[in-house]
Amino acid sequence: MVNKTALIYTNKYQSYNFGPQHPLRPLRIKLTYSLMEKLNLFNNERLEVFEPSPATQKEIERAHDPEYVEIVKKLSENPMDRSVQPYLYGLGTGDTPVFKGMYEASALVCGASLLAADMVWQDNDITIAFNPAGGLHHAHKKKASGFCIFNDIAVAIHHLKNLKNDIRIAYLDIDCHHGDGVQRLFYDDPTVLTISFHESGKFLFPGTGNPKEVGEGAGKGFSINFPLLPGTDNRMFRKLFRYCVPRILEAYAPDVLLTQLGIDMYFNDPLTQMGLSISIYRDIAQTLYTSAHDYCQNKWIAVGGGGYLMTAVPRAWTLFLARMLNIDLKNELPDEWVNQVKEEVPHETTPYLLWDRDDKAEVQLLSHPEIAKKMIDYNRELKALCDEEFIPNLKKKS
């Protein structure tokens, strides 16, 4: 039997749109699909593409307060409704402005992540599913936050728990911003392990994700955070990720792996201060692919996430899909896609390679050895926490 991968996609993803000046641009999903297509990934026999349907209100309300859902519906119909105070619900801000049709757009993203989860759990042929429009990890039970209206990840997790009450889910988040919404929603739940690698909240929104945030009640020990220093480069990230992730997953022994694949740790991302290049995402993809097979019953659900450089996100997500299909791509970009990028995002530097090995961050660190030493020592402390606290706690409670 050939294990298959599902890509959940529709052109309607473009409707989740906060406007032309907002950093979260749906164009990145369009360019991702275009690159995958031009690299002939859709001709691979292991890949199937499915169009999602919106999540129902009942499915959304498994993760969100009904009153909040009704407010979103009301403002979606009439963004100027004066009977509603959107700020009380995290809406109408610069980060998460109100727009007509936002309920339908958000429900579609939730439906896509729900479909990905459903396929991996219930379809014997499909072991991996990827929804690039998902990953809205900042939304909370009763409010929007950080570009996120509904938390599609939480909706998918609740769907899985509805299918199997005692299911064990490992949620791993590599977005540069800490996945505070998902962590908070399952903070007391031992059946959902949340793991986050992110830029430290001392320097970046949302300000959470400290290693001391370990869960509460029955969920204590099931929240794991790796807050990274600004400028963390490929080499430092690779060592920590490769070492910790397989060991954590082995200790927890989940039934399924769910990953949020934000690409905003990229060194040129306009909203963050990290030092990763596109090549690191090949390594991350391989670690996740192998770990899903070895420790997660060969079941991997993936959603998108942050990433605000239109020329970076499509390349990274394409590399993830290629690894999901277990194929190696050449380090080149189709001329047709390069020309499309030149036309659609003329203000960004045009890439000509699928992945770069830009050592910008490494060069800067070499020229400031005192900073490099501080970062190396800091990552050693995180590694020690993994060995001495995170994993022993999991083994004790699992």
Protein backbone atom coordinates (compact mmCIF):
# COMPACT_ATOMS: atom_id res chain seq x y z
CA MET A 1 0.00 0.00 0.00
CA VAL A 2 1.30 3.46 -0.94
CA ASN A 3 0.89 6.00 1.84
CA LYS A 4 -0.60 9.16 0.40
CA THR A 5 -0.46 12.85 1.22
CA ALA A 6 -3.45 15.18 0.96
CA LEU A 7 -3.10 18.87 0.11
CA ILE A 8 -6.16 20.84 1.20
CA TYR A 9 -6.55 23.77 -1.17
CA THR A 10 -9.05 26.16 -2.72
CA ASN A 11 -8.74 29.52 -4.45
CA LYS A 12 -11.29 30.74 -1.89
CA TYR A 13 -8.44 30.98 0.65
CA GLN A 14 -7.88 34.42 -0.87
CA SER A 15 -11.00 35.62 0.97
CA TYR A 16 -9.16 35.62 4.34
CA ASN A 17 -7.89 39.10 3.56
CA PHE A 18 -7.37 42.02 5.96
CA GLY A 19 -6.57 44.43 3.13
CA PRO A 20 -3.65 45.41 0.87
CA GLN A 21 -1.61 47.09 3.62
CA HIS A 22 -1.85 44.20 6.07
CA PRO A 23 1.25 41.97 6.42
CA LEU A 24 -0.76 38.71 6.30
CA ARG A 25 -1.32 38.54 2.56
CA PRO A 26 -3.21 35.62 1.00
CA LEU A 27 -0.99 36.04 -2.05
CA ARG A 28 1.59 33.83 -0.33
CA ILE A 29 -0.81 30.86 -0.53
CA LYS A 30 -1.51 31.52 -4.19
CA LEU A 31 2.23 31.69 -4.93
CA THR A 32 2.78 28.49 -2.94
CA TYR A 33 0.25 26.56 -4.99
CA SER A 34 1.72 28.01 -8.17
CA LEU A 35 5.25 26.90 -7.25
CA MET A 36 4.09 23.41 -6.30
CA GLU A 37 2.27 23.17 -9.62
CA LYS A 38 5.22 24.42 -11.69
CA LEU A 39 7.53 21.93 -9.98
CA ASN A 40 5.12 19.15 -11.06
CA LEU A 41 4.35 18.01 -7.52
CA PHE A 42 0.71 17.51 -8.49
CA ASN A 43 1.78 14.78 -10.91
CA ASN A 44 3.09 12.67 -8.05
CA GLU A 45 0.99 9.55 -7.51
CA ARG A 46 1.23 9.93 -3.74
CA LEU A 47 -0.45 13.36 -3.73
CA GLU A 48 -4.18 14.04 -3.76
CA VAL A 49 -5.67 17.54 -3.68
CA PHE A 50 -8.97 18.16 -1.90
CA GLU A 51 -11.18 21.23 -1.74
CA PRO A 52 -12.46 22.04 1.77
CA SER A 53 -15.89 23.07 2.98
CA PRO A 54 -16.42 25.59 5.79
CA ALA A 55 -16.58 24.26 9.34
CA THR A 56 -20.06 24.37 10.82
CA GLN A 57 -20.88 26.77 13.63
CA LYS A 58 -21.17 23.79 15.99
CA GLU A 59 -17.67 22.62 15.04
CA ILE A 60 -16.26 26.12 15.58
CA GLU A 61 -17.99 26.41 18.95
CA ARG A 62 -16.13 23.36 20.24
CA ALA A 63 -13.14 25.72 20.45
CA HIS A 64 -14.82 29.13 20.80
CA ASP A 65 -17.43 30.74 23.02
CA PRO A 66 -20.82 30.92 21.22
CA GLU A 67 -21.20 34.61 22.06
CA TYR A 68 -17.88 35.39 20.38
CA VAL A 69 -18.83 33.35 17.30
CA GLU A 70 -22.09 35.30 17.02
CA ILE A 71 -20.18 38.60 17.27
CA VAL A 72 -17.91 37.53 14.42
CA LYS A 73 -20.95 36.59 12.33
CA LYS A 74 -22.60 39.93 13.06
CA LEU A 75 -19.55 42.00 12.13
CA SER A 76 -18.94 39.80 9.11
CA GLU A 77 -22.36 40.76 7.78
CA ASN A 78 -21.97 44.44 8.65
CA PRO A 79 -18.46 45.61 9.69
CA MET A 80 -19.92 49.01 10.63
CA ASP A 81 -22.52 47.60 13.05
CA ARG A 82 -22.61 50.17 15.87
CA SER A 83 -24.38 47.82 18.27
CA VAL A 84 -21.14 45.86 18.66
CA GLN A 85 -17.90 46.94 20.35
CA PRO A 86 -15.36 44.89 18.38
CA TYR A 87 -12.41 45.87 20.58
CA LEU A 88 -13.89 43.86 23.44
CA TYR A 89 -13.36 40.76 21.28
CA GLY A 90 -9.92 41.57 19.89
CA LEU A 91 -11.41 42.74 16.60
CA GLY A 92 -11.22 46.07 14.81
CA THR A 93 -7.55 46.51 15.70
CA GLY A 94 -4.61 47.12 13.38
CA ASP A 95 -3.63 43.47 13.77
CA THR A 96 -7.07 41.97 13.29
CA PRO A 97 -9.34 44.43 11.48
CA VAL A 98 -12.96 43.69 10.71
CA PHE A 99 -13.90 42.90 7.12
CA LYS A 100 -17.06 41.83 5.34
CA GLY A 101 -17.25 38.06 4.97
CA MET A 102 -14.70 37.37 7.70
CA TYR A 103 -16.89 34.70 9.33
CA GLU A 104 -17.15 32.72 6.10
CA ALA A 105 -13.43 33.12 5.36
CA SER A 106 -12.46 32.00 8.87
CA ALA A 107 -14.90 29.08 8.84
CA LEU A 108 -13.34 27.91 5.57
CA VAL A 109 -9.85 27.86 7.08
CA CYS A 110 -11.21 25.91 10.05
CA GLY A 111 -12.97 23.50 7.73
CA ALA A 112 -9.75 22.90 5.82
CA SER A 113 -7.78 22.03 8.95
CA LEU A 114 -10.66 19.87 10.17
CA LEU A 115 -10.65 18.02 6.83
CA ALA A 116 -6.89 17.49 7.07
CA ALA A 117 -7.29 16.02 10.55
CA ASP A 118 -10.22 13.87 9.51
CA MET A 119 -8.37 12.41 6.53
CA VAL A 120 -5.24 11.51 8.46
CA TRP A 121 -7.22 9.90 11.27
CA GLN A 122 -9.92 8.12 9.28
CA ASP A 123 -8.55 7.45 5.79
CA ASN A 124 -6.32 4.37 5.76
CA ASP A 125 -4.47 5.52 2.64
CA ILE A 126 -3.71 9.10 3.68
CA THR A 127 -1.08 9.44 6.41
CA ILE A 128 -0.16 13.11 5.90
CA ALA A 129 -2.36 16.13 5.17
CA PHE A 130 -1.36 19.78 4.72
CA ASN A 131 -3.56 22.88 4.90
CA PRO A 132 -1.30 25.86 4.05
CA ALA A 133 -4.04 28.37 4.92
CA GLY A 134 -4.26 27.15 8.51
CA GLY A 135 -2.14 27.86 11.55
CA LEU A 136 -4.15 30.70 13.14
CA HIS A 137 -2.70 29.90 16.56
CA HIS A 138 -3.26 33.22 18.39
CA ALA A 139 -7.08 33.14 18.49
CA HIS A 140 -8.46 32.56 22.00
CA LYS A 141 -11.72 31.09 23.21
CA LYS A 142 -13.49 34.45 23.46
CA LYS A 143 -11.42 36.79 21.31
CA ALA A 144 -9.33 37.28 18.21
CA SER A 145 -5.63 38.10 18.37
CA GLY A 146 -2.61 38.55 16.13
CA PHE A 147 -4.26 38.18 12.68
CA CYS A 148 -6.28 35.18 13.93
CA ILE A 149 -10.10 35.24 14.17
CA PHE A 150 -10.87 31.56 14.78
CA ASN A 151 -8.29 29.03 15.96
CA ASP A 152 -8.43 26.41 13.21
CA ILE A 153 -5.86 24.29 15.06
CA ALA A 154 -8.07 24.05 18.14
CA VAL A 155 -11.08 23.24 15.95
CA ALA A 156 -9.11 20.38 14.37
CA ILE A 157 -7.91 19.10 17.75
CA HIS A 158 -11.45 19.10 19.16
CA HIS A 159 -12.61 17.21 16.06
CA LEU A 160 -9.98 14.54 16.68
CA LYS A 161 -10.97 14.32 20.36
CA ASN A 162 -14.58 13.96 19.29
CA LEU A 163 -13.61 11.01 17.08
CA LYS A 164 -11.56 9.33 19.84
CA ASN A 165 -11.97 10.62 23.37
CA ASP A 166 -8.61 9.41 24.71
CA ILE A 167 -6.55 10.30 21.63
CA ARG A 168 -3.06 11.66 22.35
CA ILE A 169 -2.09 14.61 20.15
CA ALA A 170 1.35 16.19 19.92
CA TYR A 171 1.11 19.76 18.64
CA LEU A 172 4.42 21.28 17.51
CA ASP A 173 4.68 24.94 16.51
CA ILE A 174 7.70 26.50 14.73
CA ASP A 175 6.18 29.93 14.13
CA CYS A 176 8.42 32.78 15.28
CA HIS A 177 5.52 33.99 17.44
CA HIS A 178 4.58 31.78 20.38
CA GLY A 179 1.39 29.75 19.84
CA ASP A 180 -0.34 31.23 22.86
CA GLY A 181 -3.92 30.53 21.78
CA VAL A 182 -3.42 26.79 21.32
CA GLN A 183 -1.39 26.49 24.52
CA ARG A 184 -4.02 28.33 26.57
CA LEU A 185 -6.94 26.36 25.15
CA PHE A 186 -5.36 23.02 26.14
CA TYR A 187 -3.30 24.14 29.15
CA ASP A 188 -4.98 21.68 31.53
CA ASP A 189 -5.35 18.80 29.06
CA PRO A 190 -2.82 15.93 29.27
CA THR A 191 -4.06 14.45 25.99
CA VAL A 192 -2.70 17.45 24.05
CA LEU A 193 1.04 18.05 24.28
CA THR A 194 1.98 21.53 23.03
CA ILE A 195 5.58 22.18 21.94
CA SER A 196 6.68 25.57 20.68
CA PHE A 197 9.96 26.86 19.21
CA HIS A 198 9.70 30.65 18.92
CA GLU A 199 11.47 33.95 19.38
CA SER A 200 11.48 34.77 23.08
CA GLY A 201 8.47 36.68 24.34
CA LYS A 202 10.90 39.15 25.89
CA PHE A 203 11.39 40.54 22.41
CA LEU A 204 8.29 39.66 20.39
CA PHE A 205 4.48 39.39 20.46
CA PRO A 206 2.61 37.82 22.21
CA GLY A 207 5.08 37.93 25.11
CA THR A 208 4.38 34.38 26.27
CA GLY A 209 6.13 31.03 25.84
CA ASN A 210 8.46 30.99 28.83
CA PRO A 211 9.88 27.55 29.76
CA LYS A 212 8.11 27.88 33.11
CA GLU A 213 4.74 27.76 31.32
CA VAL A 214 4.32 24.01 31.68
CA GLY A 215 0.56 23.56 31.99
CA GLU A 216 -1.77 23.39 34.96
CA GLY A 217 -3.87 20.82 36.78
CA ALA A 218 -3.95 17.53 34.92
CA GLY A 219 -2.11 19.23 32.06
CA LYS A 220 0.95 20.18 34.10
CA GLY A 221 4.05 19.02 32.26
CA PHE A 222 2.30 18.90 28.88
CA SER A 223 3.26 22.38 27.66
CA ILE A 224 6.86 22.71 26.47
CA ASN A 225 8.43 25.97 25.31
CA PHE A 226 11.75 26.78 23.67
CA PRO A 227 12.02 30.59 23.57
CA LEU A 228 14.93 31.48 21.26
CA LEU A 229 17.14 34.55 21.23
CA PRO A 230 16.88 36.97 18.29
CA GLY A 231 19.41 36.11 15.60
CA THR A 232 19.39 32.36 16.25
CA ASP A 233 20.90 30.86 13.11
CA ASN A 234 20.52 27.59 11.17
CA ARG A 235 23.27 25.76 13.01
CA MET A 236 22.00 26.61 16.49
CA PHE A 237 18.37 25.88 15.65
CA ARG A 238 19.20 22.61 13.90
CA LYS A 239 21.13 21.23 16.87
CA LEU A 240 18.37 22.03 19.36
CA PHE A 241 15.48 20.89 17.15
CA ARG A 242 17.06 17.63 16.00
CA TYR A 243 18.05 16.74 19.54
CA CYS A 244 14.87 17.62 21.42
CA VAL A 245 11.93 16.91 19.11
CA PRO A 246 12.40 13.15 18.56
CA ARG A 247 13.12 12.59 22.26
CA ILE A 248 10.03 14.51 23.37
CA LEU A 249 7.78 12.68 20.91
CA GLU A 250 9.22 9.32 21.90
CA ALA A 251 8.53 10.09 25.56
CA TYR A 252 4.95 11.18 24.91
CA ALA A 253 4.06 8.50 22.32
CA PRO A 254 1.22 10.40 20.58
CA ASP A 255 -1.36 8.93 18.25
CA VAL A 256 -0.90 11.79 15.79
CA LEU A 257 1.43 14.73 15.13
CA LEU A 258 -0.03 18.15 14.32
CA THR A 259 2.43 20.86 13.25
CA GLN A 260 2.12 24.59 12.67
CA LEU A 261 4.64 25.55 9.98
CA GLY A 262 5.13 29.28 10.32
CA ILE A 263 8.02 30.57 8.18
CA ASP A 264 8.65 33.86 9.97
CA MET A 265 11.93 32.77 11.57
CA TYR A 266 13.39 33.51 8.13
CA PHE A 267 16.17 36.09 8.50
CA ASN A 268 14.59 38.65 6.17
CA ASP A 269 11.06 38.43 7.57
CA PRO A 270 9.81 41.99 8.14
CA LEU A 271 8.10 41.26 11.48
CA THR A 272 10.75 39.23 13.32
CA GLN A 273 14.44 39.16 14.21
CA MET A 274 15.62 35.60 13.64
CA GLY A 275 18.45 34.25 11.50
CA LEU A 276 17.18 31.15 9.66
CA SER A 277 17.47 30.63 5.92
CA ILE A 278 15.22 28.55 3.66
CA SER A 279 17.60 25.59 3.77
CA ILE A 280 16.79 24.95 7.45
CA TYR A 281 13.21 24.09 6.52
CA ARG A 282 14.49 21.07 4.57
CA ASP A 283 16.06 19.83 7.80
CA ILE A 284 12.95 20.57 9.85
CA ALA A 285 10.77 18.77 7.31
CA GLN A 286 13.00 15.69 7.42
CA THR A 287 12.98 15.60 11.24
CA LEU A 288 9.18 15.88 11.31
CA TYR A 289 8.71 13.29 8.55
CA THR A 290 10.94 10.77 10.34
CA SER A 291 9.49 11.52 13.78
CA ALA A 292 5.91 11.13 12.56
CA HIS A 293 6.82 7.71 11.20
CA ASP A 294 8.82 6.59 14.23
CA TYR A 295 6.83 8.02 17.14
CA CYS A 296 3.41 9.24 15.94
CA GLN A 297 1.79 6.18 14.34
CA ASN A 298 2.87 7.53 10.93
CA LYS A 299 0.16 10.22 11.13
CA TRP A 300 1.07 13.85 10.43
CA ILE A 301 -1.31 16.81 10.07
CA ALA A 302 0.31 20.08 9.00
CA VAL A 303 -1.04 23.61 8.78
CA GLY A 304 0.57 26.85 7.66
CA GLY A 305 1.22 29.82 9.90
CA GLY A 306 3.12 33.09 9.89
CA GLY A 307 5.61 34.30 7.33
CA TYR A 308 5.40 37.73 5.77
CA LEU A 309 7.89 37.63 2.92
CA MET A 310 6.03 36.52 -0.19
CA THR A 311 9.19 35.13 -1.80
CA ALA A 312 10.16 33.00 1.22
CA VAL A 313 6.97 31.31 2.40
CA PRO A 314 6.12 29.54 -0.90
CA ARG A 315 9.60 28.05 -1.17
CA ALA A 316 9.60 26.71 2.39
CA TRP A 317 6.10 25.24 2.20
CA THR A 318 6.95 23.63 -1.14
CA LEU A 319 9.96 21.98 0.49
CA PHE A 320 7.67 20.67 3.24
CA LEU A 321 5.27 19.16 0.70
CA ALA A 322 8.16 17.59 -1.21
CA ARG A 323 9.37 15.86 1.95
CA MET A 324 5.82 14.74 2.77
CA LEU A 325 5.90 13.04 -0.63
CA ASN A 326 9.40 11.74 0.15
CA ILE A 327 10.95 13.29 -2.93
CA ASP A 328 14.06 15.43 -3.37
CA LEU A 329 13.82 18.57 -5.45
CA LYS A 330 16.65 20.26 -7.31
CA ASN A 331 17.79 23.61 -5.99
CA GLU A 332 16.27 25.63 -8.80
CA LEU A 333 13.12 27.61 -9.49
CA PRO A 334 11.03 27.47 -12.67
CA ASP A 335 11.49 30.57 -14.84
CA GLU A 336 7.72 30.94 -15.09
CA TRP A 337 7.39 31.18 -11.31
CA VAL A 338 10.31 33.61 -11.03
CA ASN A 339 8.63 35.86 -13.58
CA GLN A 340 5.33 35.60 -11.69
CA VAL A 341 7.07 36.72 -8.49
CA LYS A 342 8.71 39.64 -10.27
CA GLU A 343 5.29 40.78 -11.43
CA GLU A 344 3.31 40.13 -8.23
CA VAL A 345 5.86 41.27 -5.62
CA PRO A 346 8.24 43.66 -7.39
CA HIS A 347 9.27 45.26 -4.07
CA GLU A 348 10.87 42.02 -2.82
CA THR A 349 14.23 40.64 -3.91
CA THR A 350 13.54 37.96 -6.52
CA PRO A 351 14.89 34.51 -5.60
CA TYR A 352 16.40 32.24 -8.23
CA LEU A 353 17.03 29.18 -6.06
CA LEU A 354 14.49 27.01 -4.25
CA TRP A 355 16.50 27.22 -1.05
CA ASP A 356 19.24 29.60 -0.04
CA ARG A 357 22.20 29.04 2.21
CA ASP A 358 22.56 32.66 3.08
CA ASP A 359 24.92 32.88 6.03
CA LYS A 360 24.01 36.45 6.92
CA ALA A 361 23.26 35.62 10.55
CA GLU A 362 26.29 33.35 10.90
CA VAL A 363 28.62 36.05 9.53
CA GLN A 364 27.21 38.59 11.95
CA LEU A 365 27.70 36.22 14.88
CA LEU A 366 31.27 35.41 13.86
CA SER A 367 32.04 39.12 13.87
CA HIS A 368 30.57 39.37 17.39
CA PRO A 369 31.92 36.29 19.20
CA GLU A 370 30.62 37.47 22.58
CA ILE A 371 27.05 37.40 21.22
CA ALA A 372 27.61 34.01 19.60
CA LYS A 373 28.90 32.57 22.88
CA LYS A 374 25.90 33.93 24.77
CA MET A 375 23.51 32.31 22.27
CA ILE A 376 25.34 28.98 22.33
CA ASP A 377 25.28 28.92 26.14
CA TYR A 378 21.59 29.85 26.15
CA ASN A 379 20.70 27.01 23.77
CA ARG A 380 22.66 24.61 25.96
CA GLU A 381 20.45 25.67 28.86
CA LEU A 382 17.34 24.90 26.78
CA LYS A 383 18.77 21.51 25.85
CA ALA A 384 19.46 20.80 29.52
CA LEU A 385 15.87 21.76 30.39
CA CYS A 386 14.68 19.25 27.80
CA ASP A 387 16.82 16.48 29.32
CA GLU A 388 16.35 17.30 32.98
CA GLU A 389 12.76 18.58 33.19
CA PHE A 390 10.61 18.31 30.06
CA ILE A 391 11.25 14.67 29.16
CA PRO A 392 11.37 13.29 32.75
CA ASN A 393 8.03 15.01 33.45
CA LEU A 394 6.50 13.43 30.35
CA LYS A 395 7.79 9.97 31.18
CA LYS A 396 6.51 10.29 34.74
CA LYS A 397 3.02 11.39 33.72
CA SER A 398 2.57 9.45 30.50
